[in-house]
Amino acid sequence: MNNPKSVFSISILFLILIGSLNYTEAIPSFARKYKTSCATCHAPYPKLNPFGEAFRQNGYRFPGGDEQFTKEEPVSIGSEAYKRVWPEAIWPSSLPGTSPVSFRTRFNYTVDKNDANELESTFNPPALQVIATGTFGDDVSFYVGAHLFEDGEVGSIDRAFIRLNDLFASSLEGNVLNLRIGQFIPDIVPFATNHRGIYNTAFAFNTYSPLMGESFGGAHGHGNTPFGIEQFQLGAEVTGVITHSLKYTAGLVNGNFANADNNSKRDIYGRLSYKFGGLGYDGYTEDQSATSYENSFALGVLTYSGIGTESEVNYDITRFGVDFNLYLQKLNVFGGYITGIDGDEELNYNLFFAEATYEVYPWLFGSCRYEQASPEGLSTIKRATPNITALYIANVKFLVESRIDLDNPEFDNLFVGIDFAF
């Protein structure tokens, strides 16, 4: 089969790979597969840098020819000769050469107000997540992630999906059409809290609902919380990249989190984003001086329409949003605006946020996020969240952050966490 990605410059990919080795760590199974620090994709983990986004968009494969970077030989399933006699034979594929399983553990110490409005501190139970991800040959990718323990309780599956890569590759260029099926976070979320973000605090952009009123208390999860576009969903999604810089996503999901749906209608969503400069969404670049840093600007638009449930009562949900992502070498500034209606016009809201992260050293990052929500008929709520993240070693990091209510700026919470993966 012809490789539609042959237009990529392998020399540029090596530049990006070697130039990134000073950063941090990613899903360790990929570090083992490529025999390198997965920092190629993260700054710091689990936040993706531009190359990491291209790697994810490419179905967990290196753009330009994954086989040239793989250091662990996969286990062949079927002979290459079967391709010539298909459909009289099963299309050949492969299994990962070693176990694709990784583990991630998080442990934290918090200072917060109790019900009596008094500060108290505590060491909290650790969370343990198991992740299995990789590829079956070039055509199929998979991801299974489960929280074995979280908040002192037995966890559950958060993501489990399979992705069919480069459909109709003989007629379409590579990465134009990919299909994902299973349980996942919809790809209209350009920033996912602790899956692709460095903060412990959830993005209000992804999790806030007007049902929360004057509170930013939302979090990503499996259910039992108000609707948010970052919630795990069951369904199918198509995504692809056109002309290297235009990325699209469209999905059809149950809309009832990770549960079986409770109504006969499916939720639908979509997103378009365009990137100016830097590495293409599919990893392509014409800049022969490319390094691990870039100057780029991306602009996206998104929409979501579906049915929500509160106290066993269904109501309509709509979301419209825009987002941006700016890279200026070691500085990354991104943010977005979203507006939504839950049920009736009394539950209108709009929300804006912006976040900046600066790489002080390859192991030290300073960040600050500002969020502002305006639910109709209620007071505007504002929050600032500073964060310092430091890598002790490549796969062990510490983070310190606090949430500040800008209408009542006083110290009332602190989060100190340790996060390691293997």
Protein backbone atom coordinates (compact mmCIF):
# COMPACT_ATOMS: atom_id res chain seq x y z
CA MET A 1 0.00 0.00 0.00
CA ASN A 2 1.36 3.42 -0.88
CA ASN A 3 2.25 5.61 2.05
CA PRO A 4 0.39 8.92 1.65
CA LYS A 5 2.60 10.54 4.27
CA SER A 6 5.79 10.29 2.20
CA VAL A 7 5.70 14.06 1.64
CA PHE A 8 6.87 14.63 5.21
CA SER A 9 10.46 15.53 5.91
CA ILE A 10 12.05 12.84 8.07
CA SER A 11 14.97 15.09 8.88
CA ILE A 12 12.59 17.64 10.42
CA LEU A 13 10.99 14.94 12.54
CA PHE A 14 14.40 13.96 13.90
CA LEU A 15 15.07 17.62 14.71
CA ILE A 16 11.83 17.81 16.65
CA LEU A 17 12.49 14.50 18.38
CA ILE A 18 16.04 15.25 19.50
CA GLY A 19 15.24 18.86 20.37
CA SER A 20 12.47 17.71 22.70
CA LEU A 21 14.47 15.33 24.85
CA ASN A 22 15.02 18.01 27.47
CA TYR A 23 11.35 18.30 28.36
CA THR A 24 9.40 15.73 30.36
CA GLU A 25 7.45 12.50 30.12
CA ALA A 26 4.32 11.01 28.58
CA ILE A 27 2.46 7.68 28.55
CA PRO A 28 5.44 5.45 29.42
CA SER A 29 4.47 2.68 27.00
CA PHE A 30 5.36 5.07 24.17
CA ALA A 31 8.70 5.84 25.85
CA ARG A 32 9.40 2.12 25.79
CA LYS A 33 8.21 1.72 22.22
CA TYR A 34 10.40 4.51 20.81
CA LYS A 35 13.23 4.20 23.37
CA THR A 36 13.14 7.89 24.18
CA SER A 37 11.64 10.31 26.64
CA CYS A 38 8.01 10.82 25.69
CA ALA A 39 8.75 14.48 26.35
CA THR A 40 8.73 14.65 22.59
CA CYS A 41 4.99 15.10 23.00
CA HIS A 42 4.60 16.89 26.34
CA ALA A 43 5.61 20.11 28.08
CA PRO A 44 5.07 19.14 30.86
CA TYR A 45 3.11 15.89 30.95
CA PRO A 46 0.28 15.33 30.39
CA LYS A 47 -0.01 18.63 28.50
CA LEU A 48 0.68 18.11 24.81
CA ASN A 49 3.07 20.28 22.83
CA PRO A 50 2.43 20.80 19.07
CA PHE A 51 4.24 17.60 18.13
CA GLY A 52 2.24 15.70 20.75
CA GLU A 53 -1.00 16.97 19.23
CA ALA A 54 0.17 15.73 15.82
CA PHE A 55 1.10 12.35 17.33
CA ARG A 56 -2.36 12.04 18.93
CA GLN A 57 -4.12 13.19 15.76
CA ASN A 58 -2.12 10.61 13.82
CA GLY A 59 -3.55 7.80 15.93
CA TYR A 60 -0.55 7.51 18.29
CA ARG A 61 1.89 7.20 15.39
CA PHE A 62 4.83 9.36 14.39
CA PRO A 63 3.95 11.53 11.39
CA GLY A 64 6.05 10.72 8.36
CA GLY A 65 6.37 6.99 8.93
CA ASP A 66 6.05 5.46 12.36
CA GLU A 67 8.12 2.41 11.51
CA GLN A 68 11.28 4.54 11.17
CA PHE A 69 11.13 5.51 14.85
CA THR A 70 9.82 2.31 16.45
CA LYS A 71 12.54 0.56 18.44
CA GLU A 72 10.47 -2.43 19.54
CA GLU A 73 9.56 -4.87 16.80
CA PRO A 74 5.80 -5.47 16.67
CA VAL A 75 4.36 -8.97 16.49
CA SER A 76 3.09 -9.61 12.96
CA ILE A 77 -0.40 -11.00 12.49
CA GLY A 78 -0.49 -12.33 8.96
CA SER A 79 1.88 -11.96 6.04
CA GLU A 80 2.27 -8.79 3.96
CA ALA A 81 1.48 -10.97 0.96
CA TYR A 82 -2.12 -11.20 2.20
CA LYS A 83 -2.64 -7.63 1.01
CA ARG A 84 -2.21 -8.73 -2.59
CA VAL A 85 -4.91 -11.39 -2.37
CA TRP A 86 -7.43 -9.49 -0.24
CA PRO A 87 -10.45 -10.03 0.07
CA GLU A 88 -9.54 -13.70 -0.16
CA ALA A 89 -7.41 -13.29 2.99
CA ILE A 90 -7.56 -11.33 6.24
CA TRP A 91 -5.76 -8.00 5.99
CA PRO A 92 -2.45 -8.34 7.89
CA SER A 93 -1.71 -6.32 11.00
CA SER A 94 0.43 -6.45 14.13
CA LEU A 95 0.38 -6.35 17.93
CA PRO A 96 2.59 -4.18 20.13
CA GLY A 97 5.96 -5.87 20.68
CA THR A 98 5.75 -5.51 24.46
CA SER A 99 2.96 -4.78 26.91
CA PRO A 100 1.26 -1.45 26.05
CA VAL A 101 0.18 -0.97 29.69
CA SER A 102 1.26 2.04 31.76
CA PHE A 103 0.33 3.26 35.23
CA ARG A 104 -0.15 6.77 36.55
CA THR A 105 -0.45 7.60 40.25
CA ARG A 106 -1.42 10.89 41.89
CA PHE A 107 -1.23 11.83 45.56
CA ASN A 108 -1.97 15.20 47.16
CA TYR A 109 -2.08 17.33 50.26
CA THR A 110 -4.79 19.99 50.51
CA VAL A 111 -5.65 22.98 52.66
CA ASP A 112 -9.30 23.99 52.43
CA LYS A 113 -12.25 25.34 54.40
CA ASN A 114 -14.52 22.91 56.18
CA ASP A 115 -18.28 23.23 56.79
CA ALA A 116 -17.55 25.47 59.77
CA ASN A 117 -15.63 27.84 57.49
CA GLU A 118 -12.35 26.91 59.18
CA LEU A 119 -9.14 25.98 57.42
CA GLU A 120 -8.10 22.37 57.70
CA SER A 121 -5.42 20.33 55.98
CA THR A 122 -5.24 16.67 55.03
CA PHE A 123 -3.30 14.08 53.06
CA ASN A 124 -5.75 12.55 50.60
CA PRO A 125 -5.95 8.94 49.31
CA PRO A 126 -3.95 8.33 46.11
CA ALA A 127 -5.48 7.78 42.69
CA LEU A 128 -4.23 4.95 40.49
CA GLN A 129 -4.90 4.91 36.77
CA VAL A 130 -4.02 2.14 34.32
CA ILE A 131 -3.62 3.03 30.64
CA ALA A 132 -3.21 0.67 27.68
CA THR A 133 -2.71 2.33 24.32
CA GLY A 134 -0.98 1.64 21.03
CA THR A 135 -1.54 0.53 17.47
CA PHE A 136 -2.51 -2.58 15.56
CA GLY A 137 -0.37 -2.00 12.49
CA ASP A 138 -0.90 1.29 10.64
CA ASP A 139 -4.65 1.13 10.30
CA VAL A 140 -6.00 0.76 13.83
CA SER A 141 -5.25 2.50 17.15
CA PHE A 142 -6.65 1.71 20.59
CA TYR A 143 -6.90 3.33 24.01
CA VAL A 144 -8.16 1.88 27.29
CA GLY A 145 -7.93 3.92 30.49
CA ALA A 146 -9.39 3.07 33.88
CA HIS A 147 -9.14 4.60 37.34
CA LEU A 148 -8.54 1.60 39.59
CA PHE A 149 -8.78 3.77 42.70
CA GLU A 150 -9.85 7.40 43.10
CA ASP A 151 -10.83 9.36 46.22
CA GLY A 152 -10.35 6.23 48.31
CA GLU A 153 -12.90 4.24 46.31
CA VAL A 154 -12.79 1.69 43.51
CA GLY A 155 -12.82 3.57 40.23
CA SER A 156 -14.18 2.77 36.79
CA ILE A 157 -13.35 2.91 33.09
CA ASP A 158 -12.99 6.44 31.77
CA ARG A 159 -11.99 5.82 28.15
CA ALA A 160 -12.09 2.70 25.99
CA PHE A 161 -12.11 3.20 22.23
CA ILE A 162 -10.74 1.98 18.96
CA ARG A 163 -9.82 4.27 16.08
CA LEU A 164 -9.75 3.35 12.39
CA ASN A 165 -7.03 5.46 10.78
CA ASP A 166 -6.75 6.95 7.30
CA LEU A 167 -9.99 5.53 5.90
CA PHE A 168 -10.16 5.33 2.10
CA ALA A 169 -6.44 6.11 1.95
CA SER A 170 -6.31 5.05 -1.70
CA SER A 171 -8.62 7.95 -2.57
CA LEU A 172 -7.98 10.42 0.25
CA GLU A 173 -4.72 11.77 1.57
CA GLY A 174 -3.56 10.45 4.93
CA ASN A 175 -5.33 11.74 8.04
CA VAL A 176 -8.28 13.19 6.16
CA LEU A 177 -10.78 10.70 7.60
CA ASN A 178 -10.49 8.77 10.86
CA LEU A 179 -13.26 7.08 12.86
CA ARG A 180 -13.27 6.63 16.65
CA ILE A 181 -15.80 4.33 18.36
CA GLY A 182 -16.29 3.65 22.06
CA GLN A 183 -16.12 5.75 25.23
CA PHE A 184 -14.05 8.93 25.04
CA ILE A 185 -13.80 12.65 25.73
CA PRO A 186 -15.30 14.40 22.66
CA ASP A 187 -12.55 16.01 20.61
CA ILE A 188 -14.31 19.37 20.62
CA VAL A 189 -12.42 19.86 23.89
CA PRO A 190 -9.12 21.50 22.87
CA PHE A 191 -7.85 21.26 26.47
CA ALA A 192 -8.83 18.41 28.80
CA THR A 193 -8.23 18.87 32.51
CA ASN A 194 -5.83 16.27 33.90
CA HIS A 195 -5.69 14.21 30.72
CA ARG A 196 -3.97 16.89 28.63
CA GLY A 197 -3.58 19.75 31.11
CA ILE A 198 -1.14 20.41 33.94
CA TYR A 199 -3.70 21.71 36.45
CA ASN A 200 -5.61 19.78 39.08
CA THR A 201 -8.44 22.34 38.82
CA ALA A 202 -10.88 21.53 36.02
CA PHE A 203 -11.41 23.97 33.16
CA ALA A 204 -14.69 25.80 33.80
CA PHE A 205 -14.90 26.18 30.00
CA ASN A 206 -15.42 22.40 29.81
CA THR A 207 -17.35 21.70 33.00
CA TYR A 208 -19.42 24.73 34.03
CA SER A 209 -23.21 24.57 33.76
CA PRO A 210 -25.68 27.34 34.63
CA LEU A 211 -27.22 24.80 37.00
CA MET A 212 -24.21 25.50 39.24
CA GLY A 213 -25.22 29.14 39.61
CA GLU A 214 -22.47 31.21 41.20
CA SER A 215 -20.03 28.32 41.59
CA PHE A 216 -17.13 26.89 39.57
CA GLY A 217 -17.46 23.54 41.32
CA GLY A 218 -17.67 21.36 38.21
CA ALA A 219 -15.29 18.56 37.29
CA HIS A 220 -14.90 16.09 34.49
CA GLY A 221 -16.38 12.70 35.29
CA HIS A 222 -18.59 9.76 34.46
CA GLY A 223 -21.91 11.24 35.53
CA ASN A 224 -23.84 12.52 38.56
CA THR A 225 -22.67 16.05 37.76
CA PRO A 226 -24.19 18.81 35.61
CA PHE A 227 -23.44 18.62 31.92
CA GLY A 228 -20.01 19.59 30.63
CA ILE A 229 -18.44 19.12 27.19
CA GLU A 230 -15.47 17.34 28.81
CA GLN A 231 -17.56 14.51 30.25
CA PHE A 232 -16.80 10.99 29.07
CA GLN A 233 -19.27 9.95 26.39
CA LEU A 234 -20.35 6.80 24.55
CA GLY A 235 -20.58 7.12 20.77
CA ALA A 236 -18.75 7.57 17.49
CA GLU A 237 -16.65 10.42 16.13
CA VAL A 238 -14.96 11.31 12.85
CA THR A 239 -11.95 13.59 12.68
CA GLY A 240 -9.34 14.59 10.15
CA VAL A 241 -6.88 17.17 8.88
CA ILE A 242 -7.15 18.94 5.52
CA THR A 243 -4.21 20.80 3.95
CA HIS A 244 -2.21 20.26 7.16
CA SER A 245 -3.71 23.31 8.92
CA LEU A 246 -7.48 22.71 9.02
CA LYS A 247 -8.77 20.18 11.52
CA TYR A 248 -12.38 19.06 11.82
CA THR A 249 -14.29 16.90 14.30
CA ALA A 250 -17.91 15.68 14.28
CA GLY A 251 -19.51 13.28 16.71
CA LEU A 252 -22.69 11.43 17.68
CA VAL A 253 -22.93 10.35 21.34
CA ASN A 254 -25.49 9.18 23.89
CA GLY A 255 -25.13 12.39 25.86
CA ASN A 256 -25.64 10.66 29.19
CA PHE A 257 -21.98 10.57 30.21
CA ALA A 258 -20.54 7.05 30.35
CA ASN A 259 -23.99 5.56 30.98
CA ALA A 260 -26.56 4.03 28.66
CA ASP A 261 -28.77 6.80 27.32
CA ASN A 262 -32.07 7.62 28.99
CA ASN A 263 -33.78 9.08 25.91
CA SER A 264 -34.24 8.20 22.25
CA LYS A 265 -32.22 11.15 20.90
CA ARG A 266 -28.47 11.34 20.36
CA ASP A 267 -26.31 14.39 21.07
CA ILE A 268 -24.30 15.86 18.20
CA TYR A 269 -21.25 18.11 18.20
CA GLY A 270 -18.63 19.54 15.89
CA ARG A 271 -15.47 21.62 15.84
CA LEU A 272 -13.32 23.35 13.21
CA SER A 273 -9.90 24.81 13.89
CA TYR A 274 -7.24 26.41 11.70
CA LYS A 275 -3.59 26.84 12.58
CA PHE A 276 -1.32 29.58 11.26
CA GLY A 277 2.40 28.81 11.34
CA GLY A 278 4.28 26.16 13.26
CA LEU A 279 3.84 22.43 12.88
CA GLY A 280 0.73 21.33 11.01
CA TYR A 281 -1.99 19.44 12.87
CA ASP A 282 -0.78 16.32 11.08
CA GLY A 283 2.91 16.98 11.82
CA TYR A 284 3.80 18.51 8.46
CA THR A 285 6.18 21.45 8.20
CA GLU A 286 7.95 23.26 5.39
CA ASP A 287 10.22 25.16 7.78
CA GLN A 288 13.66 23.59 7.48
CA SER A 289 14.79 25.45 10.61
CA ALA A 290 12.10 23.84 12.80
CA THR A 291 12.98 23.12 16.43
CA SER A 292 11.06 21.90 19.44
CA TYR A 293 9.64 25.44 19.92
CA GLU A 294 7.46 27.36 17.47
CA ASN A 295 5.56 30.57 16.79
CA SER A 296 1.99 29.78 15.84
CA PHE A 297 -1.63 30.79 16.32
CA ALA A 298 -4.69 28.52 16.12
CA LEU A 299 -8.34 29.54 16.11
CA GLY A 300 -11.26 27.16 16.61
CA VAL A 301 -15.07 27.16 16.72
CA LEU A 302 -17.26 24.49 18.33
CA THR A 303 -20.90 23.59 18.88
CA TYR A 304 -22.79 20.97 20.90
CA SER A 305 -26.50 20.14 20.90
CA GLY A 306 -28.21 17.50 23.00
CA ILE A 307 -30.42 16.45 25.90
CA GLY A 308 -29.48 16.75 29.58
CA THR A 309 -31.12 15.29 32.68
CA GLU A 310 -31.61 16.83 36.10
CA SER A 311 -33.76 15.13 38.78
CA GLU A 312 -35.07 12.73 36.09
CA VAL A 313 -36.28 15.68 33.97
CA ASN A 314 -34.85 16.06 30.46
CA TYR A 315 -33.92 19.46 29.06
CA ASP A 316 -32.27 20.79 25.91
CA ILE A 317 -28.58 21.70 25.92
CA THR A 318 -26.79 23.95 23.43
CA ARG A 319 -23.22 25.21 23.43
CA PHE A 320 -21.36 27.53 21.04
CA GLY A 321 -17.76 28.50 21.55
CA VAL A 322 -14.53 29.86 20.10
CA ASP A 323 -11.01 29.12 21.31
CA PHE A 324 -7.46 30.20 20.51
CA ASN A 325 -3.98 28.82 21.10
CA LEU A 326 -0.84 30.96 20.77
CA TYR A 327 2.75 29.72 20.92
CA LEU A 328 5.64 32.16 21.19
CA GLN A 329 8.61 29.87 21.73
CA LYS A 330 8.55 28.98 25.46
CA LEU A 331 5.32 30.90 26.13
CA ASN A 332 1.92 29.31 25.49
CA VAL A 333 -1.25 31.41 25.86
CA PHE A 334 -4.63 29.87 25.13
CA GLY A 335 -8.26 30.44 26.03
CA GLY A 336 -11.82 30.58 24.83
CA TYR A 337 -15.33 31.96 25.03
CA ILE A 338 -18.41 29.74 25.32
CA THR A 339 -22.11 30.47 25.60
CA GLY A 340 -24.88 28.04 26.39
CA ILE A 341 -28.52 27.47 27.19
CA ASP A 342 -29.73 24.70 29.49
CA GLY A 343 -33.46 24.10 29.35
CA ASP A 344 -34.91 27.57 29.14
CA GLU A 345 -33.65 31.11 28.76
CA GLU A 346 -33.37 31.55 32.53
CA LEU A 347 -30.34 29.26 32.31
CA ASN A 348 -28.37 31.21 29.73
CA TYR A 349 -24.72 31.85 30.47
CA ASN A 350 -21.46 32.92 28.87
CA LEU A 351 -17.94 32.22 30.03
CA PHE A 352 -14.46 33.40 29.13
CA PHE A 353 -11.06 32.11 30.20
CA ALA A 354 -7.38 32.54 29.36
CA GLU A 355 -4.34 30.64 30.55
CA ALA A 356 -0.62 31.30 30.15
CA THR A 357 2.22 28.84 30.72
CA TYR A 358 5.89 29.72 30.55
CA GLU A 359 8.81 27.31 30.54
CA VAL A 360 11.32 28.80 32.98
CA TYR A 361 13.57 25.76 32.63
CA PRO A 362 12.89 22.46 30.84
CA TRP A 363 11.85 21.09 34.26
CA LEU A 364 10.07 24.16 35.73
CA PHE A 365 6.82 25.75 34.48
CA GLY A 366 4.79 28.66 35.80
CA SER A 367 1.12 29.08 34.85
CA CYS A 368 -1.89 31.21 35.65
CA ARG A 369 -5.49 30.82 34.53
CA TYR A 370 -8.28 33.42 34.64
CA GLU A 371 -11.95 32.41 34.35
CA GLN A 372 -15.11 34.49 34.32
CA ALA A 373 -18.69 33.22 34.03
CA SER A 374 -21.86 35.29 33.71
CA PRO A 375 -25.02 33.23 34.33
CA GLU A 376 -28.15 35.20 33.42
CA GLY A 377 -29.86 36.76 36.41
CA LEU A 378 -26.93 36.06 38.75
CA SER A 379 -23.69 37.80 39.65
CA THR A 380 -20.63 37.36 37.49
CA ILE A 381 -18.12 34.97 39.07
CA LYS A 382 -14.36 35.26 38.59
CA ARG A 383 -11.49 33.00 39.49
CA ALA A 384 -7.71 33.07 39.13
CA THR A 385 -5.67 29.87 39.49
CA PRO A 386 -1.87 30.13 39.71
CA ASN A 387 0.16 26.95 39.31
CA ILE A 388 3.83 25.94 39.58
CA THR A 389 4.83 22.57 38.13
CA ALA A 390 8.30 21.09 38.60
CA LEU A 391 9.75 17.84 37.31
CA TYR A 392 11.81 16.06 39.97
CA ILE A 393 12.87 13.55 37.33
CA ALA A 394 11.40 12.90 33.90
CA ASN A 395 8.43 10.86 35.10
CA VAL A 396 7.90 12.37 38.59
CA LYS A 397 6.46 15.85 39.02
CA PHE A 398 5.26 18.13 41.79
CA LEU A 399 2.62 20.82 41.42
CA VAL A 400 1.37 23.57 43.69
CA GLU A 401 -1.77 25.56 42.91
CA SER A 402 -4.46 27.64 44.54
CA ARG A 403 -7.86 28.94 43.47
CA ILE A 404 -8.53 32.62 44.17
CA ASP A 405 -12.02 34.13 44.19
CA LEU A 406 -11.31 37.56 42.74
CA ASP A 407 -14.44 39.03 44.35
CA ASN A 408 -13.21 37.88 47.75
CA PRO A 409 -9.44 37.44 47.43
CA GLU A 410 -8.29 35.60 50.53
CA PHE A 411 -6.24 32.48 51.10
CA ASP A 412 -8.64 29.61 51.67
CA ASN A 413 -7.25 26.68 49.65
CA LEU A 414 -3.97 25.10 48.58
CA PHE A 415 -3.24 22.00 46.55
CA VAL A 416 0.16 20.28 46.63
CA GLY A 417 0.36 17.19 44.46
CA ILE A 418 2.82 14.57 43.30
CA ASP A 419 2.26 12.70 40.05
CA PHE A 420 4.31 9.83 38.66
CA ALA A 421 3.95 7.39 35.78
CA PHE A 422 5.65 4.14 34.81
